[in-house]
Amino acid sequence: MRAVTVSQLPLFDKPKVELHVHLDRAIKPETILYYAKKRGIPLPDNTGDQLWDIIGMDEPLSFPGFLAKFDYYMPAITGDREAIK
């Protein structure tokens, strides 16, 4: 009898979809800027590169430091389905 791996089973041999995405690095700074302007929400900078310098994470942060990054841009996208798409 030949061994069968899980990936060879018909149930698992289907295209995959992303079921879980973290917001950090999932939303382009330009998208954040667009929705902030549309909703009249001020941001600390007005170009994608400048905003990324503030909200980006190039090195590990403490958990509170990580969460603090969301304070900058969550008001621009919260509650707006188009922004999250």
C-alpha atoms as a PDB file:
ATOM      1  CA  MET A   1       0.000   0.000   0.000  1.00  0.00           C
ATOM      2  CA  ARG A   2       1.365   3.399  -1.030  1.00  0.00           C
ATOM      3  CA  ALA A   3       1.530   6.254   1.501  1.00  0.00           C
ATOM      4  CA  VAL A   4      -0.550   9.304   0.606  1.00  0.00           C
ATOM      5  CA  THR A   5       0.328  12.779   1.839  1.00  0.00           C
ATOM      6  CA  VAL A   6      -2.340  15.255   2.924  1.00  0.00           C
ATOM      7  CA  SER A   7      -1.618  17.481  -0.084  1.00  0.00           C
ATOM      8  CA  GLN A   8      -2.503  14.585  -2.401  1.00  0.00           C
ATOM      9  CA  LEU A   9      -6.011  14.183  -0.993  1.00  0.00           C
ATOM     10  CA  PRO A  10      -8.725  15.690  -3.255  1.00  0.00           C
ATOM     11  CA  LEU A  11      -9.962  17.936  -0.440  1.00  0.00           C
ATOM     12  CA  PHE A  12      -6.555  19.606  -0.090  1.00  0.00           C
ATOM     13  CA  ASP A  13      -5.703  19.744  -3.795  1.00  0.00           C
ATOM     14  CA  LYS A  14      -7.612  23.007  -4.368  1.00  0.00           C
ATOM     15  CA  PRO A  15      -6.567  26.638  -4.825  1.00  0.00           C
ATOM     16  CA  LYS A  16      -5.884  28.372  -1.527  1.00  0.00           C
ATOM     17  CA  VAL A  17      -7.248  31.677  -0.246  1.00  0.00           C
ATOM     18  CA  GLU A  18      -5.898  34.051   2.370  1.00  0.00           C
ATOM     19  CA  LEU A  19      -8.131  33.709   5.404  1.00  0.00           C
ATOM     20  CA  HIS A  20      -6.112  35.776   7.817  1.00  0.00           C
ATOM     21  CA  VAL A  21      -4.258  39.006   7.118  1.00  0.00           C
ATOM     22  CA  HIS A  22      -2.674  41.320   9.637  1.00  0.00           C
ATOM     23  CA  LEU A  23      -3.230  45.032   9.077  1.00  0.00           C
ATOM     24  CA  ASP A  24       0.390  45.945   9.577  1.00  0.00           C
ATOM     25  CA  ARG A  25       1.947  46.080   6.093  1.00  0.00           C
ATOM     26  CA  ALA A  26      -1.317  44.943   4.493  1.00  0.00           C
ATOM     27  CA  ILE A  27      -2.548  48.460   3.695  1.00  0.00           C
ATOM     28  CA  LYS A  28      -0.491  50.716   1.451  1.00  0.00           C
ATOM     29  CA  PRO A  29       0.327  54.136   2.928  1.00  0.00           C
ATOM     30  CA  GLU A  30      -1.221  55.758  -0.165  1.00  0.00           C
ATOM     31  CA  THR A  31      -4.513  54.007   0.618  1.00  0.00           C
ATOM     32  CA  ILE A  32      -4.397  55.277   4.191  1.00  0.00           C
ATOM     33  CA  LEU A  33      -3.697  58.810   2.938  1.00  0.00           C
ATOM     34  CA  TYR A  34      -6.575  58.638   0.449  1.00  0.00           C
ATOM     35  CA  TYR A  35      -9.154  57.588   3.036  1.00  0.00           C
ATOM     36  CA  ALA A  36      -7.829  59.986   5.665  1.00  0.00           C
ATOM     37  CA  LYS A  37      -8.240  62.880   3.219  1.00  0.00           C
ATOM     38  CA  LYS A  38     -11.677  61.627   2.141  1.00  0.00           C
ATOM     39  CA  ARG A  39     -12.838  61.447   5.768  1.00  0.00           C
ATOM     40  CA  GLY A  40     -11.106  64.660   6.886  1.00  0.00           C
ATOM     41  CA  ILE A  41      -8.792  62.889   9.315  1.00  0.00           C
ATOM     42  CA  PRO A  42      -5.401  64.537   9.843  1.00  0.00           C
ATOM     43  CA  LEU A  43      -2.294  62.353   9.639  1.00  0.00           C
ATOM     44  CA  PRO A  44       1.233  63.146  10.827  1.00  0.00           C
ATOM     45  CA  ASP A  45       2.555  63.347   7.240  1.00  0.00           C
ATOM     46  CA  ASN A  46       1.097  63.682   3.766  1.00  0.00           C
ATOM     47  CA  THR A  47       3.152  61.415   1.505  1.00  0.00           C
ATOM     48  CA  GLY A  48       3.289  57.639   1.434  1.00  0.00           C
ATOM     49  CA  ASP A  49       7.021  57.524   2.153  1.00  0.00           C
ATOM     50  CA  GLN A  50       6.758  59.933   5.078  1.00  0.00           C
ATOM     51  CA  LEU A  51       3.799  58.056   6.522  1.00  0.00           C
ATOM     52  CA  TRP A  52       5.605  54.741   6.106  1.00  0.00           C
ATOM     53  CA  ASP A  53       8.567  56.133   8.068  1.00  0.00           C
ATOM     54  CA  ILE A  54       6.153  56.661  10.971  1.00  0.00           C
ATOM     55  CA  ILE A  55       3.967  53.552  10.791  1.00  0.00           C
ATOM     56  CA  GLY A  56       6.482  51.069   9.353  1.00  0.00           C
ATOM     57  CA  MET A  57       8.332  48.587  11.518  1.00  0.00           C
ATOM     58  CA  ASP A  58      11.811  47.637  10.389  1.00  0.00           C
ATOM     59  CA  GLU A  59      12.927  46.245  13.725  1.00  0.00           C
ATOM     60  CA  PRO A  60      11.203  44.445  16.566  1.00  0.00           C
ATOM     61  CA  LEU A  61       9.232  46.677  18.909  1.00  0.00           C
ATOM     62  CA  SER A  62       7.738  46.134  22.300  1.00  0.00           C
ATOM     63  CA  PHE A  63       4.106  45.075  22.112  1.00  0.00           C
ATOM     64  CA  PRO A  64       2.895  48.530  23.267  1.00  0.00           C
ATOM     65  CA  GLY A  65       5.200  50.124  20.667  1.00  0.00           C
ATOM     66  CA  PHE A  66       3.746  47.866  17.983  1.00  0.00           C
ATOM     67  CA  LEU A  67       0.174  48.752  18.953  1.00  0.00           C
ATOM     68  CA  ALA A  68       0.976  52.479  19.067  1.00  0.00           C
ATOM     69  CA  LYS A  69       1.626  52.421  15.299  1.00  0.00           C
ATOM     70  CA  PHE A  70      -2.058  51.643  14.714  1.00  0.00           C
ATOM     71  CA  ASP A  71      -3.100  54.863  16.476  1.00  0.00           C
ATOM     72  CA  TYR A  72      -1.754  56.838  13.522  1.00  0.00           C
ATOM     73  CA  TYR A  73      -3.876  55.299  10.801  1.00  0.00           C
ATOM     74  CA  MET A  74      -6.746  53.238  12.198  1.00  0.00           C
ATOM     75  CA  PRO A  75      -9.086  56.268  12.419  1.00  0.00           C
ATOM     76  CA  ALA A  76      -8.673  56.737   8.645  1.00  0.00           C
ATOM     77  CA  ILE A  77      -9.886  53.231   7.778  1.00  0.00           C
ATOM     78  CA  THR A  78     -12.021  52.049  10.699  1.00  0.00           C
ATOM     79  CA  GLY A  79     -15.603  51.359   9.682  1.00  0.00           C
ATOM     80  CA  ASP A  80     -14.964  51.853   5.952  1.00  0.00           C
ATOM     81  CA  ARG A  81     -15.367  48.591   4.030  1.00  0.00           C
ATOM     82  CA  GLU A  82     -13.848  50.067   0.868  1.00  0.00           C
ATOM     83  CA  ALA A  83     -10.710  51.086   2.749  1.00  0.00           C
ATOM     84  CA  ILE A  84     -10.264  47.600   4.157  1.00  0.00           C
ATOM     85  CA  LYS A  85     -10.842  45.920   0.792  1.00  0.00           C
END
